[in-house]
Amino acid sequence: MEIVAVGMQDYKVMGVDRFYVKLGPDLIHTFDVFKDGKVVQVSKEPLTDMLVTSSIEKFNACFRVVPPVPVQKTSELPGFLGAFEILNDTQVRHRPAR
């Protein structure tokens, strides 16, 4: 399981950010992650890599995480709020722990 894209909304103001998590080959689901620790699966059906790429490149709905960040379970996602830095118009990277 790995985080392949993130919305990068201002979770401190909005209270939430969106994570695209790859659960298996061509099996990506979106999760809203709230600053109070709540994690809610948004997608009812799995998304394809192509759809995520379209969300990034055509609709600017999120950023691709380079390289993807491994997670063991979705309950770990709140720990990644605000943990990414923008590299360019389409990519972010996990900021090293300080």
N, C-alpha and C. Protein backbone atom coordinates (compact mmCIF):
# COMPACT_ATOMS: atom_id res chain seq x y z
N MET A 1 0.85 -1.16 0.00
CA MET A 1 0.00 0.00 0.00
C MET A 1 0.91 1.23 0.00
N GLU A 2 0.53 2.25 -0.82
CA GLU A 2 1.36 3.45 -0.88
C GLU A 2 0.54 4.67 -1.28
N ILE A 3 0.97 5.82 -0.79
CA ILE A 3 0.36 7.10 -1.16
C ILE A 3 0.97 7.50 -2.50
N VAL A 4 0.13 7.62 -3.54
CA VAL A 4 0.63 7.95 -4.87
C VAL A 4 0.32 9.39 -5.27
N ALA A 5 -0.64 10.02 -4.59
CA ALA A 5 -0.98 11.41 -4.88
C ALA A 5 -1.65 12.01 -3.65
N VAL A 6 -1.58 13.33 -3.60
CA VAL A 6 -2.18 14.05 -2.46
C VAL A 6 -2.74 15.37 -2.98
N GLY A 7 -3.86 15.78 -2.39
CA GLY A 7 -4.53 17.00 -2.82
C GLY A 7 -3.79 18.27 -2.47
N MET A 8 -3.11 18.28 -1.34
CA MET A 8 -2.37 19.44 -0.85
C MET A 8 -3.26 20.65 -0.57
N GLN A 9 -4.46 20.38 -0.06
CA GLN A 9 -5.29 21.49 0.42
C GLN A 9 -4.66 21.99 1.71
N ASP A 10 -4.99 23.19 2.10
CA ASP A 10 -4.49 23.72 3.37
C ASP A 10 -5.30 23.08 4.49
N TYR A 11 -4.82 21.94 4.98
CA TYR A 11 -5.59 21.17 5.96
C TYR A 11 -5.77 21.95 7.27
N LYS A 12 -4.88 22.89 7.57
CA LYS A 12 -5.03 23.66 8.81
C LYS A 12 -6.25 24.58 8.71
N VAL A 13 -6.51 25.09 7.53
CA VAL A 13 -7.67 25.97 7.32
C VAL A 13 -8.91 25.15 6.96
N MET A 14 -8.75 24.21 6.02
CA MET A 14 -9.88 23.43 5.53
C MET A 14 -10.26 22.29 6.47
N GLY A 15 -9.29 21.82 7.26
CA GLY A 15 -9.55 20.72 8.18
C GLY A 15 -9.42 19.35 7.56
N VAL A 16 -9.07 19.30 6.26
CA VAL A 16 -9.04 18.03 5.54
C VAL A 16 -8.09 18.12 4.35
N ASP A 17 -7.55 16.99 3.96
CA ASP A 17 -6.82 16.87 2.71
C ASP A 17 -7.21 15.53 2.09
N ARG A 18 -6.92 15.35 0.83
CA ARG A 18 -7.29 14.12 0.12
C ARG A 18 -6.04 13.36 -0.27
N PHE A 19 -6.06 12.06 -0.01
CA PHE A 19 -4.95 11.17 -0.35
C PHE A 19 -5.42 10.11 -1.33
N TYR A 20 -4.59 9.82 -2.31
CA TYR A 20 -4.84 8.76 -3.29
C TYR A 20 -3.91 7.62 -2.91
N VAL A 21 -4.49 6.51 -2.51
CA VAL A 21 -3.70 5.40 -1.96
C VAL A 21 -3.85 4.18 -2.86
N LYS A 22 -2.70 3.68 -3.31
CA LYS A 22 -2.68 2.49 -4.16
C LYS A 22 -2.70 1.26 -3.27
N LEU A 23 -3.77 0.47 -3.39
CA LEU A 23 -3.94 -0.72 -2.57
C LEU A 23 -3.48 -1.97 -3.28
N GLY A 24 -3.31 -1.88 -4.59
CA GLY A 24 -2.88 -3.01 -5.41
C GLY A 24 -2.71 -2.53 -6.83
N PRO A 25 -2.31 -3.43 -7.74
CA PRO A 25 -2.13 -3.02 -9.14
C PRO A 25 -3.42 -2.42 -9.70
N ASP A 26 -3.32 -1.21 -10.19
CA ASP A 26 -4.47 -0.48 -10.76
C ASP A 26 -5.67 -0.46 -9.82
N LEU A 27 -5.40 -0.33 -8.54
CA LEU A 27 -6.44 -0.30 -7.51
C LEU A 27 -6.12 0.85 -6.55
N ILE A 28 -6.61 2.04 -6.93
CA ILE A 28 -6.34 3.25 -6.15
C ILE A 28 -7.67 3.75 -5.59
N HIS A 29 -7.65 4.11 -4.32
CA HIS A 29 -8.84 4.70 -3.69
C HIS A 29 -8.46 6.06 -3.11
N THR A 30 -9.46 6.94 -3.05
CA THR A 30 -9.25 8.24 -2.44
C THR A 30 -9.80 8.25 -1.02
N PHE A 31 -9.07 8.93 -0.17
CA PHE A 31 -9.44 9.04 1.24
C PHE A 31 -9.36 10.50 1.65
N ASP A 32 -10.41 11.00 2.30
CA ASP A 32 -10.34 12.30 2.94
C ASP A 32 -9.78 12.07 4.34
N VAL A 33 -8.77 12.84 4.66
CA VAL A 33 -8.08 12.71 5.94
C VAL A 33 -8.26 14.03 6.69
N PHE A 34 -8.88 13.94 7.85
CA PHE A 34 -9.21 15.13 8.63
C PHE A 34 -8.17 15.36 9.72
N LYS A 35 -7.98 16.63 10.08
CA LYS A 35 -6.95 16.94 11.07
C LYS A 35 -7.28 16.39 12.45
N ASP A 36 -8.53 15.98 12.67
CA ASP A 36 -8.87 15.35 13.96
C ASP A 36 -8.56 13.84 13.95
N GLY A 37 -7.98 13.35 12.81
CA GLY A 37 -7.57 11.95 12.74
C GLY A 37 -8.54 11.04 12.01
N LYS A 38 -9.71 11.55 11.65
CA LYS A 38 -10.69 10.73 10.94
C LYS A 38 -10.24 10.50 9.50
N VAL A 39 -10.42 9.26 9.02
CA VAL A 39 -10.09 8.88 7.65
C VAL A 39 -11.36 8.31 7.01
N VAL A 40 -11.78 8.89 5.87
CA VAL A 40 -13.00 8.47 5.21
C VAL A 40 -12.69 8.11 3.75
N GLN A 41 -13.01 6.88 3.36
CA GLN A 41 -12.83 6.50 1.96
C GLN A 41 -13.89 7.21 1.14
N VAL A 42 -13.45 7.95 0.11
CA VAL A 42 -14.36 8.73 -0.73
C VAL A 42 -14.78 7.95 -1.96
N SER A 43 -13.84 7.30 -2.61
CA SER A 43 -14.15 6.59 -3.86
C SER A 43 -14.91 5.30 -3.55
N LYS A 44 -15.98 5.10 -4.31
CA LYS A 44 -16.76 3.88 -4.16
C LYS A 44 -16.14 2.75 -4.99
N GLU A 45 -15.63 3.12 -6.15
CA GLU A 45 -14.98 2.17 -7.06
C GLU A 45 -13.50 2.55 -7.15
N PRO A 46 -12.63 1.57 -7.42
CA PRO A 46 -11.21 1.88 -7.55
C PRO A 46 -10.96 2.78 -8.77
N LEU A 47 -9.95 3.62 -8.64
CA LEU A 47 -9.51 4.47 -9.73
C LEU A 47 -8.34 3.79 -10.44
N THR A 48 -8.15 4.12 -11.69
CA THR A 48 -7.00 3.60 -12.43
C THR A 48 -5.86 4.61 -12.36
N ASP A 49 -4.66 4.15 -12.67
CA ASP A 49 -3.52 5.06 -12.75
C ASP A 49 -3.79 6.16 -13.77
N MET A 50 -4.44 5.81 -14.87
CA MET A 50 -4.74 6.80 -15.92
C MET A 50 -5.66 7.90 -15.40
N LEU A 51 -6.64 7.52 -14.60
CA LEU A 51 -7.57 8.51 -14.05
C LEU A 51 -6.85 9.44 -13.06
N VAL A 52 -5.96 8.89 -12.26
CA VAL A 52 -5.19 9.71 -11.33
C VAL A 52 -4.28 10.66 -12.11
N THR A 53 -3.64 10.16 -13.15
CA THR A 53 -2.78 11.02 -13.99
C THR A 53 -3.60 12.14 -14.60
N SER A 54 -4.80 11.84 -15.06
CA SER A 54 -5.69 12.87 -15.61
C SER A 54 -6.06 13.90 -14.54
N SER A 55 -6.33 13.44 -13.33
CA SER A 55 -6.66 14.35 -12.23
C SER A 55 -5.50 15.31 -11.96
N ILE A 56 -4.29 14.81 -12.10
CA ILE A 56 -3.10 15.62 -11.86
C ILE A 56 -2.83 16.58 -13.01
N GLU A 57 -2.74 16.04 -14.21
CA GLU A 57 -2.27 16.82 -15.36
C GLU A 57 -3.35 17.67 -16.03
N LYS A 58 -4.57 17.19 -16.05
CA LYS A 58 -5.63 17.92 -16.74
C LYS A 58 -6.45 18.80 -15.81
N PHE A 59 -6.77 18.28 -14.63
CA PHE A 59 -7.67 18.99 -13.74
C PHE A 59 -6.98 19.67 -12.55
N ASN A 60 -5.67 19.43 -12.38
CA ASN A 60 -4.93 20.01 -11.26
C ASN A 60 -5.61 19.75 -9.92
N ALA A 61 -6.18 18.54 -9.78
CA ALA A 61 -6.92 18.19 -8.57
C ALA A 61 -6.02 17.66 -7.46
N CYS A 62 -4.78 17.31 -7.81
CA CYS A 62 -3.86 16.75 -6.83
C CYS A 62 -2.44 16.77 -7.41
N PHE A 63 -1.50 16.32 -6.60
CA PHE A 63 -0.10 16.22 -7.01
C PHE A 63 0.35 14.78 -6.87
N ARG A 64 1.18 14.32 -7.81
CA ARG A 64 1.77 12.98 -7.71
C ARG A 64 2.87 13.00 -6.67
N VAL A 65 2.91 11.99 -5.81
CA VAL A 65 3.94 11.86 -4.78
C VAL A 65 5.12 11.10 -5.40
N VAL A 66 6.29 11.75 -5.39
CA VAL A 66 7.49 11.17 -6.00
C VAL A 66 8.59 11.07 -4.95
N PRO A 67 9.06 9.89 -4.64
CA PRO A 67 8.49 8.59 -4.96
C PRO A 67 7.27 8.34 -4.06
N PRO A 68 6.42 7.38 -4.45
CA PRO A 68 5.26 7.05 -3.60
C PRO A 68 5.73 6.68 -2.18
N VAL A 69 4.87 6.97 -1.21
CA VAL A 69 5.22 6.74 0.19
C VAL A 69 4.48 5.49 0.69
N PRO A 70 5.24 4.48 1.13
CA PRO A 70 4.59 3.27 1.64
C PRO A 70 3.89 3.50 2.98
N VAL A 71 2.73 2.88 3.13
CA VAL A 71 2.00 2.87 4.41
C VAL A 71 1.51 1.45 4.64
N GLN A 72 1.36 1.09 5.89
CA GLN A 72 0.88 -0.25 6.24
C GLN A 72 -0.64 -0.32 6.28
N LYS A 73 -1.26 0.79 6.74
CA LYS A 73 -2.72 0.82 6.86
C LYS A 73 -3.20 2.26 6.74
N THR A 74 -4.46 2.42 6.36
CA THR A 74 -5.00 3.76 6.14
C THR A 74 -5.08 4.59 7.41
N SER A 75 -5.09 3.96 8.56
CA SER A 75 -5.13 4.71 9.82
C SER A 75 -3.85 5.52 10.04
N GLU A 76 -2.80 5.26 9.26
CA GLU A 76 -1.55 6.03 9.35
C GLU A 76 -1.64 7.35 8.59
N LEU A 77 -2.62 7.52 7.73
CA LEU A 77 -2.69 8.69 6.86
C LEU A 77 -2.70 10.03 7.59
N PRO A 78 -3.38 10.19 8.74
CA PRO A 78 -3.34 11.50 9.40
C PRO A 78 -1.93 11.97 9.74
N GLY A 79 -1.01 11.06 9.92
CA GLY A 79 0.38 11.43 10.19
C GLY A 79 1.08 12.06 9.00
N PHE A 80 0.45 12.01 7.83
CA PHE A 80 1.04 12.58 6.62
C PHE A 80 0.43 13.93 6.24
N LEU A 81 -0.50 14.44 7.03
CA LEU A 81 -1.05 15.77 6.76
C LEU A 81 0.06 16.80 6.87
N GLY A 82 0.21 17.61 5.85
CA GLY A 82 1.23 18.66 5.86
C GLY A 82 2.65 18.15 5.73
N ALA A 83 2.83 16.90 5.36
CA ALA A 83 4.17 16.29 5.31
C ALA A 83 4.77 16.25 3.91
N PHE A 84 4.20 17.02 2.97
CA PHE A 84 4.70 17.01 1.60
C PHE A 84 5.10 18.41 1.18
N GLU A 85 6.10 18.50 0.30
CA GLU A 85 6.49 19.79 -0.25
C GLU A 85 6.40 19.73 -1.76
N ILE A 86 5.97 20.83 -2.35
CA ILE A 86 5.76 20.91 -3.79
C ILE A 86 7.10 20.98 -4.50
N LEU A 87 7.26 20.14 -5.52
CA LEU A 87 8.47 20.14 -6.35
C LEU A 87 8.25 20.94 -7.63
N ASN A 88 7.07 20.79 -8.24
CA ASN A 88 6.72 21.52 -9.46
C ASN A 88 5.20 21.52 -9.59
N ASP A 89 4.69 21.81 -10.77
CA ASP A 89 3.24 21.93 -10.97
C ASP A 89 2.46 20.64 -10.78
N THR A 90 3.14 19.49 -10.84
CA THR A 90 2.42 18.22 -10.78
C THR A 90 2.95 17.26 -9.72
N GLN A 91 4.06 17.60 -9.05
CA GLN A 91 4.70 16.63 -8.14
C GLN A 91 5.01 17.23 -6.77
N VAL A 92 4.94 16.34 -5.78
CA VAL A 92 5.37 16.67 -4.42
C VAL A 92 6.26 15.53 -3.93
N ARG A 93 6.97 15.80 -2.86
CA ARG A 93 7.74 14.72 -2.22
C ARG A 93 7.47 14.77 -0.72
N HIS A 94 7.64 13.61 -0.11
CA HIS A 94 7.49 13.50 1.33
C HIS A 94 8.66 14.25 1.96
N ARG A 95 8.33 15.18 2.82
CA ARG A 95 9.35 15.97 3.50
C ARG A 95 10.00 15.12 4.56
N PRO A 96 11.33 15.05 4.58
CA PRO A 96 12.01 14.24 5.61
C PRO A 96 11.66 14.71 7.02
N ALA A 97 11.58 13.76 7.94
CA ALA A 97 11.29 14.12 9.34
C ALA A 97 12.38 14.99 9.88
N ARG A 98 12.00 15.94 10.70
CA ARG A 98 12.99 16.88 11.28
C ARG A 98 13.20 16.61 12.73
